[in-house]
């Protein structure tokens, strides 16, 4: 199978699995307890359910389709098409899982539900977003406000989530549930951020040494990583110097440090994390085909 069809198949599977996990997490840790609430489209659906009795999955499907049309009109076809799968798959999976599980309740402990719901939502959203898809729903108004009013998505998201949490407080949710909802938002935001850089973070090393050429050759031969030599100048004596820069995996850091200090114990070394690396040896194979 060529790379392009394989990439498309992988993307489709990621969107499918992400939405399935999202729906399962909502059903098991959110809808099965009265002690937990959330923001977003699901939180809005819970408000409507309290007032009208309309099932959460039905409202989510109708709302997502409405937002899909809004996105098509105001943001264009490309953005709208990116939300089609999640707009249909999530409420469909939620309805099927709800019917299959019936009255099943895993736990009524509010803390456990909050933690695992946050973990599940963060992971599932991370999978969907890394696939290049969108979750739809309230994400569309956020994108609209960013485009026309220049309001950052992060600001709109937090404001909307807080408003939905407070709205649920008005319609019968307890103060404890709102506080757990805030903790929940913090957890899934942190997990989502970690998911988006999972597997792509690397360690960048910069070494300032009078023996830069020797260190460079040692890294190339013994660590098997690329090296770039940068030309610098000392800020105090204004003497020219060479800086060795290399990007390695976290596992290779100890080996590199021992190697460099064995050559020049007095060298100045800077170690930092980089969130994403593309190119030969990382996103591409080490050797050209």
C-alpha atoms as a PDB file:
ATOM      1  CA  UNK A   1       0.000   0.000   0.000  1.00  0.00           C
ATOM      2  CA  UNK A   2       1.380   3.417  -0.945  1.00  0.00           C
ATOM      3  CA  UNK A   3       1.939   6.108   1.665  1.00  0.00           C
ATOM      4  CA  UNK A   4      -1.029   8.327   0.738  1.00  0.00           C
ATOM      5  CA  UNK A   5      -3.820   5.676   1.085  1.00  0.00           C
ATOM      6  CA  UNK A   6      -2.131   4.376   4.257  1.00  0.00           C
ATOM      7  CA  UNK A   7      -2.068   7.905   5.696  1.00  0.00           C
ATOM      8  CA  UNK A   8      -5.755   8.352   4.896  1.00  0.00           C
ATOM      9  CA  UNK A   9      -6.621   5.010   6.505  1.00  0.00           C
ATOM     10  CA  UNK A  10      -4.634   5.927   9.627  1.00  0.00           C
ATOM     11  CA  UNK A  11      -6.388   9.305   9.827  1.00  0.00           C
ATOM     12  CA  UNK A  12      -9.828   7.699   9.474  1.00  0.00           C
ATOM     13  CA  UNK A  13      -9.027   5.143  12.200  1.00  0.00           C
ATOM     14  CA  UNK A  14      -7.777   7.875  14.541  1.00  0.00           C
ATOM     15  CA  UNK A  15     -10.971   9.914  14.056  1.00  0.00           C
ATOM     16  CA  UNK A  16     -13.084   6.782  14.596  1.00  0.00           C
ATOM     17  CA  UNK A  17     -11.215   5.669  17.727  1.00  0.00           C
ATOM     18  CA  UNK A  18     -11.074   9.214  19.119  1.00  0.00           C
ATOM     19  CA  UNK A  19     -14.832   9.720  18.833  1.00  0.00           C
ATOM     20  CA  UNK A  20     -15.548   6.241  20.217  1.00  0.00           C
ATOM     21  CA  UNK A  21     -13.354   6.915  23.257  1.00  0.00           C
ATOM     22  CA  UNK A  22     -14.930  10.360  23.673  1.00  0.00           C
ATOM     23  CA  UNK A  23     -18.459   8.906  23.694  1.00  0.00           C
ATOM     24  CA  UNK A  24     -17.485   6.040  26.023  1.00  0.00           C
ATOM     25  CA  UNK A  25     -15.839   8.456  28.465  1.00  0.00           C
ATOM     26  CA  UNK A  26     -18.892  10.744  28.511  1.00  0.00           C
ATOM     27  CA  UNK A  27     -21.281   7.843  29.112  1.00  0.00           C
ATOM     28  CA  UNK A  28     -19.256   6.015  31.788  1.00  0.00           C
ATOM     29  CA  UNK A  29     -17.887   8.932  33.817  1.00  0.00           C
ATOM     30  CA  UNK A  30     -20.304  11.804  33.193  1.00  0.00           C
ATOM     31  CA  UNK A  31     -23.846  10.707  32.359  1.00  0.00           C
ATOM     32  CA  UNK A  32     -23.880   7.876  34.909  1.00  0.00           C
ATOM     33  CA  UNK A  33     -23.475  10.256  37.868  1.00  0.00           C
ATOM     34  CA  UNK A  34     -25.329  13.267  39.248  1.00  0.00           C
ATOM     35  CA  UNK A  35     -22.168  14.660  40.873  1.00  0.00           C
ATOM     36  CA  UNK A  36     -20.342  15.841  37.766  1.00  0.00           C
ATOM     37  CA  UNK A  37     -20.967  18.403  35.036  1.00  0.00           C
ATOM     38  CA  UNK A  38     -18.949  19.697  32.126  1.00  0.00           C
ATOM     39  CA  UNK A  39     -18.764  22.551  29.645  1.00  0.00           C
ATOM     40  CA  UNK A  40     -18.814  22.461  25.871  1.00  0.00           C
ATOM     41  CA  UNK A  41     -21.603  21.018  23.741  1.00  0.00           C
ATOM     42  CA  UNK A  42     -22.126  18.112  26.134  1.00  0.00           C
ATOM     43  CA  UNK A  43     -22.573  20.497  29.068  1.00  0.00           C
ATOM     44  CA  UNK A  44     -25.078  22.542  27.070  1.00  0.00           C
ATOM     45  CA  UNK A  45     -26.916  19.320  26.214  1.00  0.00           C
ATOM     46  CA  UNK A  46     -27.123  18.453  29.932  1.00  0.00           C
ATOM     47  CA  UNK A  47     -28.818  21.818  30.590  1.00  0.00           C
ATOM     48  CA  UNK A  48     -31.353  21.150  27.831  1.00  0.00           C
ATOM     49  CA  UNK A  49     -31.964  17.635  29.180  1.00  0.00           C
ATOM     50  CA  UNK A  50     -32.693  19.041  32.657  1.00  0.00           C
ATOM     51  CA  UNK A  51     -35.201  21.534  31.221  1.00  0.00           C
ATOM     52  CA  UNK A  52     -36.870  19.551  28.420  1.00  0.00           C
ATOM     53  CA  UNK A  53     -35.938  15.909  28.955  1.00  0.00           C
ATOM     54  CA  UNK A  54     -34.369  15.732  25.476  1.00  0.00           C
ATOM     55  CA  UNK A  55     -31.623  13.042  25.401  1.00  0.00           C
ATOM     56  CA  UNK A  56     -28.062  14.352  25.386  1.00  0.00           C
ATOM     57  CA  UNK A  57     -27.126  12.454  22.195  1.00  0.00           C
ATOM     58  CA  UNK A  58     -30.109  13.881  20.284  1.00  0.00           C
ATOM     59  CA  UNK A  59     -29.322  17.477  21.229  1.00  0.00           C
ATOM     60  CA  UNK A  60     -25.617  17.022  20.458  1.00  0.00           C
ATOM     61  CA  UNK A  61     -26.383  15.666  16.977  1.00  0.00           C
ATOM     62  CA  UNK A  62     -28.840  18.495  16.174  1.00  0.00           C
ATOM     63  CA  UNK A  63     -26.531  21.182  17.582  1.00  0.00           C
ATOM     64  CA  UNK A  64     -23.477  19.803  15.759  1.00  0.00           C
ATOM     65  CA  UNK A  65     -25.324  19.769  12.441  1.00  0.00           C
ATOM     66  CA  UNK A  66     -26.489  23.361  13.017  1.00  0.00           C
ATOM     67  CA  UNK A  67     -22.920  24.442  13.818  1.00  0.00           C
ATOM     68  CA  UNK A  68     -21.737  22.566  10.741  1.00  0.00           C
ATOM     69  CA  UNK A  69     -23.984  24.709   8.557  1.00  0.00           C
ATOM     70  CA  UNK A  70     -22.814  27.845  10.376  1.00  0.00           C
ATOM     71  CA  UNK A  71     -19.194  26.860   9.803  1.00  0.00           C
ATOM     72  CA  UNK A  72     -19.828  26.194   6.110  1.00  0.00           C
ATOM     73  CA  UNK A  73     -21.417  29.634   5.734  1.00  0.00           C
ATOM     74  CA  UNK A  74     -18.976  31.746   7.746  1.00  0.00           C
ATOM     75  CA  UNK A  75     -15.721  29.784   7.635  1.00  0.00           C
ATOM     76  CA  UNK A  76     -15.824  27.989   4.302  1.00  0.00           C
ATOM     77  CA  UNK A  77     -16.143  24.457   3.004  1.00  0.00           C
ATOM     78  CA  UNK A  78     -12.701  23.265   4.108  1.00  0.00           C
ATOM     79  CA  UNK A  79     -13.258  23.999   7.810  1.00  0.00           C
ATOM     80  CA  UNK A  80     -16.778  22.574   7.718  1.00  0.00           C
ATOM     81  CA  UNK A  81     -15.682  19.318   6.085  1.00  0.00           C
ATOM     82  CA  UNK A  82     -13.091  18.823   8.840  1.00  0.00           C
ATOM     83  CA  UNK A  83     -15.927  18.673  11.403  1.00  0.00           C
ATOM     84  CA  UNK A  84     -18.310  16.372   9.491  1.00  0.00           C
ATOM     85  CA  UNK A  85     -17.054  13.055  10.910  1.00  0.00           C
ATOM     86  CA  UNK A  86     -17.046  14.102  14.574  1.00  0.00           C
ATOM     87  CA  UNK A  87     -20.380  15.934  14.219  1.00  0.00           C
ATOM     88  CA  UNK A  88     -22.043  12.625  13.330  1.00  0.00           C
ATOM     89  CA  UNK A  89     -19.824   9.942  14.902  1.00  0.00           C
ATOM     90  CA  UNK A  90     -19.760  11.273  18.487  1.00  0.00           C
ATOM     91  CA  UNK A  91     -23.550  11.504  19.043  1.00  0.00           C
ATOM     92  CA  UNK A  92     -24.074   8.226  17.157  1.00  0.00           C
ATOM     93  CA  UNK A  93     -21.522   6.388  19.312  1.00  0.00           C
ATOM     94  CA  UNK A  94     -22.968   8.012  22.445  1.00  0.00           C
ATOM     95  CA  UNK A  95     -26.481   6.770  21.633  1.00  0.00           C
ATOM     96  CA  UNK A  96     -25.283   3.219  20.851  1.00  0.00           C
ATOM     97  CA  UNK A  97     -23.098   2.968  23.968  1.00  0.00           C
ATOM     98  CA  UNK A  98     -25.883   4.365  26.153  1.00  0.00           C
ATOM     99  CA  UNK A  99     -28.273   1.700  24.861  1.00  0.00           C
ATOM    100  CA  UNK A 100     -25.698  -1.080  25.305  1.00  0.00           C
ATOM    101  CA  UNK A 101     -24.712  -0.116  28.856  1.00  0.00           C
ATOM    102  CA  UNK A 102     -28.251   0.597  30.054  1.00  0.00           C
ATOM    103  CA  UNK A 103     -28.173   1.283  33.812  1.00  0.00           C
ATOM    104  CA  UNK A 104     -24.513   0.342  34.225  1.00  0.00           C
ATOM    105  CA  UNK A 105     -22.602   2.578  36.672  1.00  0.00           C
ATOM    106  CA  UNK A 106     -18.866   2.122  37.113  1.00  0.00           C
ATOM    107  CA  UNK A 107     -18.457   4.396  40.147  1.00  0.00           C
ATOM    108  CA  UNK A 108     -20.335   7.180  41.911  1.00  0.00           C
ATOM    109  CA  UNK A 109     -17.202   8.662  43.471  1.00  0.00           C
ATOM    110  CA  UNK A 110     -17.120  12.276  42.163  1.00  0.00           C
ATOM    111  CA  UNK A 111     -13.348  12.585  42.431  1.00  0.00           C
ATOM    112  CA  UNK A 112     -12.697   9.380  40.466  1.00  0.00           C
ATOM    113  CA  UNK A 113     -15.236  10.400  37.823  1.00  0.00           C
ATOM    114  CA  UNK A 114     -13.643  13.852  37.519  1.00  0.00           C
ATOM    115  CA  UNK A 115     -10.089  12.538  37.145  1.00  0.00           C
ATOM    116  CA  UNK A 116     -10.856   9.739  34.692  1.00  0.00           C
ATOM    117  CA  UNK A 117     -13.322  11.823  32.703  1.00  0.00           C
ATOM    118  CA  UNK A 118     -10.659  14.507  32.321  1.00  0.00           C
ATOM    119  CA  UNK A 119      -8.069  11.930  31.261  1.00  0.00           C
ATOM    120  CA  UNK A 120     -10.429  10.306  28.763  1.00  0.00           C
ATOM    121  CA  UNK A 121     -11.575  13.585  27.220  1.00  0.00           C
ATOM    122  CA  UNK A 122      -8.024  14.925  26.947  1.00  0.00           C
ATOM    123  CA  UNK A 123      -6.764  11.739  25.279  1.00  0.00           C
ATOM    124  CA  UNK A 124      -9.708  11.390  22.878  1.00  0.00           C
ATOM    125  CA  UNK A 125      -9.613  15.040  21.811  1.00  0.00           C
ATOM    126  CA  UNK A 126      -5.861  14.751  21.360  1.00  0.00           C
ATOM    127  CA  UNK A 127      -6.295  11.751  19.044  1.00  0.00           C
ATOM    128  CA  UNK A 128      -8.955  13.569  16.979  1.00  0.00           C
ATOM    129  CA  UNK A 129      -6.984  16.814  16.671  1.00  0.00           C
ATOM    130  CA  UNK A 130      -3.733  14.987  15.816  1.00  0.00           C
ATOM    131  CA  UNK A 131      -5.640  13.282  13.005  1.00  0.00           C
ATOM    132  CA  UNK A 132      -6.278  16.748  11.558  1.00  0.00           C
ATOM    133  CA  UNK A 133      -9.999  16.658  12.328  1.00  0.00           C
ATOM    134  CA  UNK A 134     -12.211  18.909  14.428  1.00  0.00           C
ATOM    135  CA  UNK A 135     -14.676  18.096  17.177  1.00  0.00           C
ATOM    136  CA  UNK A 136     -17.309  20.484  15.804  1.00  0.00           C
ATOM    137  CA  UNK A 137     -19.991  21.825  18.148  1.00  0.00           C
ATOM    138  CA  UNK A 138     -18.955  24.935  20.089  1.00  0.00           C
ATOM    139  CA  UNK A 139     -15.579  24.901  18.365  1.00  0.00           C
ATOM    140  CA  UNK A 140     -17.267  26.509  15.335  1.00  0.00           C
ATOM    141  CA  UNK A 141     -18.408  29.689  17.204  1.00  0.00           C
ATOM    142  CA  UNK A 142     -14.893  29.915  18.677  1.00  0.00           C
ATOM    143  CA  UNK A 143     -13.362  29.846  15.187  1.00  0.00           C
ATOM    144  CA  UNK A 144     -15.918  32.415  13.982  1.00  0.00           C
ATOM    145  CA  UNK A 145     -15.057  34.808  16.823  1.00  0.00           C
ATOM    146  CA  UNK A 146     -11.365  34.333  16.169  1.00  0.00           C
ATOM    147  CA  UNK A 147     -11.804  35.133  12.469  1.00  0.00           C
ATOM    148  CA  UNK A 148     -14.135  38.130  12.718  1.00  0.00           C
ATOM    149  CA  UNK A 149     -13.466  39.561  16.198  1.00  0.00           C
ATOM    150  CA  UNK A 150      -9.811  38.495  16.660  1.00  0.00           C
ATOM    151  CA  UNK A 151     -10.627  36.846  19.997  1.00  0.00           C
ATOM    152  CA  UNK A 152      -8.221  33.955  20.806  1.00  0.00           C
ATOM    153  CA  UNK A 153      -9.824  30.494  20.883  1.00  0.00           C
ATOM    154  CA  UNK A 154      -8.413  29.770  24.359  1.00  0.00           C
ATOM    155  CA  UNK A 155     -10.166  32.859  25.794  1.00  0.00           C
ATOM    156  CA  UNK A 156     -13.490  32.012  24.125  1.00  0.00           C
ATOM    157  CA  UNK A 157     -13.268  28.392  25.263  1.00  0.00           C
ATOM    158  CA  UNK A 158     -12.757  29.262  28.926  1.00  0.00           C
ATOM    159  CA  UNK A 159     -15.513  31.915  28.880  1.00  0.00           C
ATOM    160  CA  UNK A 160     -17.994  29.537  27.223  1.00  0.00           C
ATOM    161  CA  UNK A 161     -17.145  26.672  29.583  1.00  0.00           C
ATOM    162  CA  UNK A 162     -17.571  28.881  32.655  1.00  0.00           C
ATOM    163  CA  UNK A 163     -20.901  30.231  31.341  1.00  0.00           C
ATOM    164  CA  UNK A 164     -22.195  26.701  30.687  1.00  0.00           C
ATOM    165  CA  UNK A 165     -21.067  25.533  34.135  1.00  0.00           C
ATOM    166  CA  UNK A 166     -22.835  28.495  35.781  1.00  0.00           C
ATOM    167  CA  UNK A 167     -25.934  27.847  33.644  1.00  0.00           C
ATOM    168  CA  UNK A 168     -26.069  24.302  35.011  1.00  0.00           C
ATOM    169  CA  UNK A 169     -25.821  25.759  38.512  1.00  0.00           C
ATOM    170  CA  UNK A 170     -28.954  27.826  37.767  1.00  0.00           C
ATOM    171  CA  UNK A 171     -30.800  24.717  36.566  1.00  0.00           C
ATOM    172  CA  UNK A 172     -30.136  22.515  39.558  1.00  0.00           C
ATOM    173  CA  UNK A 173     -26.473  21.549  39.629  1.00  0.00           C
ATOM    174  CA  UNK A 174     -24.760  21.818  43.012  1.00  0.00           C
ATOM    175  CA  UNK A 175     -21.887  24.130  43.862  1.00  0.00           C
ATOM    176  CA  UNK A 176     -19.701  21.043  44.385  1.00  0.00           C
ATOM    177  CA  UNK A 177     -20.513  19.876  40.850  1.00  0.00           C
ATOM    178  CA  UNK A 178     -19.476  23.253  39.417  1.00  0.00           C
ATOM    179  CA  UNK A 179     -16.192  23.169  41.340  1.00  0.00           C
ATOM    180  CA  UNK A 180     -15.532  19.621  40.108  1.00  0.00           C
ATOM    181  CA  UNK A 181     -16.337  20.897  36.603  1.00  0.00           C
ATOM    182  CA  UNK A 182     -13.604  23.536  36.913  1.00  0.00           C
ATOM    183  CA  UNK A 183     -11.099  20.882  38.080  1.00  0.00           C
ATOM    184  CA  UNK A 184     -12.208  18.728  35.167  1.00  0.00           C
ATOM    185  CA  UNK A 185     -11.524  21.521  32.648  1.00  0.00           C
ATOM    186  CA  UNK A 186      -8.022  21.948  34.068  1.00  0.00           C
ATOM    187  CA  UNK A 187      -7.291  18.197  33.827  1.00  0.00           C
ATOM    188  CA  UNK A 188      -8.434  17.682  30.247  1.00  0.00           C
ATOM    189  CA  UNK A 189      -6.691  20.885  29.109  1.00  0.00           C
ATOM    190  CA  UNK A 190      -3.359  19.683  30.542  1.00  0.00           C
ATOM    191  CA  UNK A 191      -3.808  16.170  29.124  1.00  0.00           C
ATOM    192  CA  UNK A 192      -4.767  17.564  25.713  1.00  0.00           C
ATOM    193  CA  UNK A 193      -1.634  19.737  25.625  1.00  0.00           C
ATOM    194  CA  UNK A 194       0.507  16.678  26.465  1.00  0.00           C
ATOM    195  CA  UNK A 195      -1.245  14.584  23.803  1.00  0.00           C
ATOM    196  CA  UNK A 196      -0.569  17.147  21.089  1.00  0.00           C
ATOM    197  CA  UNK A 197       3.205  16.967  21.654  1.00  0.00           C
ATOM    198  CA  UNK A 198       3.336  13.245  22.546  1.00  0.00           C
ATOM    199  CA  UNK A 199       6.096  11.468  20.629  1.00  0.00           C
ATOM    200  CA  UNK A 200       7.351  14.656  18.978  1.00  0.00           C
ATOM    201  CA  UNK A 201       9.324  16.287  21.800  1.00  0.00           C
ATOM    202  CA  UNK A 202      13.112  16.036  21.673  1.00  0.00           C
ATOM    203  CA  UNK A 203      16.130  17.383  23.542  1.00  0.00           C
ATOM    204  CA  UNK A 204      18.254  20.162  22.072  1.00  0.00           C
ATOM    205  CA  UNK A 205      21.853  20.476  23.215  1.00  0.00           C
ATOM    206  CA  UNK A 206      24.148  23.472  22.646  1.00  0.00           C
ATOM    207  CA  UNK A 207      27.799  23.109  23.619  1.00  0.00           C
ATOM    208  CA  UNK A 208      30.301  25.980  23.764  1.00  0.00           C
ATOM    209  CA  UNK A 209      33.837  24.626  23.816  1.00  0.00           C
ATOM    210  CA  UNK A 210      37.339  25.305  22.517  1.00  0.00           C
ATOM    211  CA  UNK A 211      37.277  21.688  21.291  1.00  0.00           C
ATOM    212  CA  UNK A 212      34.014  22.050  19.367  1.00  0.00           C
ATOM    213  CA  UNK A 213      35.303  20.267  16.256  1.00  0.00           C
ATOM    214  CA  UNK A 214      36.393  17.215  18.253  1.00  0.00           C
ATOM    215  CA  UNK A 215      33.062  17.120  20.113  1.00  0.00           C
ATOM    216  CA  UNK A 216      31.185  17.429  16.827  1.00  0.00           C
ATOM    217  CA  UNK A 217      33.055  14.481  15.311  1.00  0.00           C
ATOM    218  CA  UNK A 218      32.437  12.371  18.435  1.00  0.00           C
ATOM    219  CA  UNK A 219      28.670  13.040  18.373  1.00  0.00           C
ATOM    220  CA  UNK A 220      28.490  12.129  14.684  1.00  0.00           C
ATOM    221  CA  UNK A 221      30.389   8.859  15.113  1.00  0.00           C
ATOM    222  CA  UNK A 222      29.346   7.655  18.574  1.00  0.00           C
ATOM    223  CA  UNK A 223      25.823   9.035  19.068  1.00  0.00           C
ATOM    224  CA  UNK A 224      24.895   8.932  15.360  1.00  0.00           C
ATOM    225  CA  UNK A 225      23.103  12.289  15.441  1.00  0.00           C
ATOM    226  CA  UNK A 226      23.454  15.282  13.174  1.00  0.00           C
ATOM    227  CA  UNK A 227      25.427  18.289  14.330  1.00  0.00           C
ATOM    228  CA  UNK A 228      25.401  21.963  13.353  1.00  0.00           C
ATOM    229  CA  UNK A 229      28.311  24.278  14.110  1.00  0.00           C
ATOM    230  CA  UNK A 230      27.300  27.834  14.966  1.00  0.00           C
ATOM    231  CA  UNK A 231      29.766  30.698  15.064  1.00  0.00           C
ATOM    232  CA  UNK A 232      29.554  32.928  18.126  1.00  0.00           C
ATOM    233  CA  UNK A 233      31.484  35.554  20.036  1.00  0.00           C
ATOM    234  CA  UNK A 234      32.132  35.897  23.754  1.00  0.00           C
ATOM    235  CA  UNK A 235      30.282  38.812  25.319  1.00  0.00           C
ATOM    236  CA  UNK A 236      33.098  39.783  27.709  1.00  0.00           C
ATOM    237  CA  UNK A 237      36.394  39.214  25.838  1.00  0.00           C
ATOM    238  CA  UNK A 238      34.792  39.258  22.379  1.00  0.00           C
ATOM    239  CA  UNK A 239      36.750  36.204  21.349  1.00  0.00           C
ATOM    240  CA  UNK A 240      35.307  34.080  18.515  1.00  0.00           C
ATOM    241  CA  UNK A 241      33.920  30.689  19.508  1.00  0.00           C
ATOM    242  CA  UNK A 242      32.147  27.728  17.954  1.00  0.00           C
ATOM    243  CA  UNK A 243      28.891  26.300  19.285  1.00  0.00           C
ATOM    244  CA  UNK A 244      27.915  22.695  18.695  1.00  0.00           C
ATOM    245  CA  UNK A 245      24.153  22.224  18.332  1.00  0.00           C
ATOM    246  CA  UNK A 246      22.460  18.842  18.124  1.00  0.00           C
ATOM    247  CA  UNK A 247      18.942  17.478  18.624  1.00  0.00           C
ATOM    248  CA  UNK A 248      18.730  14.056  20.275  1.00  0.00           C
ATOM    249  CA  UNK A 249      16.224  11.819  22.014  1.00  0.00           C
ATOM    250  CA  UNK A 250      15.912  11.996  25.811  1.00  0.00           C
ATOM    251  CA  UNK A 251      17.473   8.526  26.142  1.00  0.00           C
ATOM    252  CA  UNK A 252      20.621   9.699  24.351  1.00  0.00           C
ATOM    253  CA  UNK A 253      21.218  12.663  26.673  1.00  0.00           C
ATOM    254  CA  UNK A 254      23.206  10.814  29.360  1.00  0.00           C
ATOM    255  CA  UNK A 255      25.435   9.173  26.739  1.00  0.00           C
ATOM    256  CA  UNK A 256      26.074  12.519  25.039  1.00  0.00           C
ATOM    257  CA  UNK A 257      26.845  14.296  28.321  1.00  0.00           C
ATOM    258  CA  UNK A 258      29.422  11.648  29.298  1.00  0.00           C
ATOM    259  CA  UNK A 259      30.964  11.814  25.838  1.00  0.00           C
ATOM    260  CA  UNK A 260      31.227  15.617  25.809  1.00  0.00           C
ATOM    261  CA  UNK A 261      32.548  15.916  29.380  1.00  0.00           C
ATOM    262  CA  UNK A 262      35.119  13.228  28.582  1.00  0.00           C
ATOM    263  CA  UNK A 263      36.481  15.472  25.820  1.00  0.00           C
ATOM    264  CA  UNK A 264      36.127  18.847  27.551  1.00  0.00           C
ATOM    265  CA  UNK A 265      35.109  18.838  31.246  1.00  0.00           C
ATOM    266  CA  UNK A 266      35.101  22.657  31.264  1.00  0.00           C
ATOM    267  CA  UNK A 267      32.652  23.098  28.358  1.00  0.00           C
ATOM    268  CA  UNK A 268      29.494  25.165  28.696  1.00  0.00           C
ATOM    269  CA  UNK A 269      26.416  23.048  27.870  1.00  0.00           C
ATOM    270  CA  UNK A 270      22.780  24.146  27.468  1.00  0.00           C
ATOM    271  CA  UNK A 271      20.063  21.453  27.452  1.00  0.00           C
ATOM    272  CA  UNK A 272      16.474  22.304  26.538  1.00  0.00           C
ATOM    273  CA  UNK A 273      13.277  20.585  25.431  1.00  0.00           C
ATOM    274  CA  UNK A 274      11.880  21.220  21.956  1.00  0.00           C
ATOM    275  CA  UNK A 275       8.262  20.273  21.313  1.00  0.00           C
ATOM    276  CA  UNK A 276       8.505  19.211  17.697  1.00  0.00           C
ATOM    277  CA  UNK A 277      11.252  18.232  15.260  1.00  0.00           C
ATOM    278  CA  UNK A 278      10.938  17.571  11.525  1.00  0.00           C
ATOM    279  CA  UNK A 279      13.636  16.422   9.152  1.00  0.00           C
ATOM    280  CA  UNK A 280      16.222  13.728   8.478  1.00  0.00           C
ATOM    281  CA  UNK A 281      16.607  11.363  11.427  1.00  0.00           C
ATOM    282  CA  UNK A 282      13.269  12.326  13.009  1.00  0.00           C
ATOM    283  CA  UNK A 283      10.239  12.733  10.750  1.00  0.00           C
ATOM    284  CA  UNK A 284      12.319  11.293   7.869  1.00  0.00           C
ATOM    285  CA  UNK A 285      14.652   8.298   7.847  1.00  0.00           C
ATOM    286  CA  UNK A 286      18.305   8.935   8.694  1.00  0.00           C
ATOM    287  CA  UNK A 287      19.455   7.954   5.259  1.00  0.00           C
ATOM    288  CA  UNK A 288      18.099   9.318   1.980  1.00  0.00           C
ATOM    289  CA  UNK A 289      16.304   6.717  -0.111  1.00  0.00           C
END
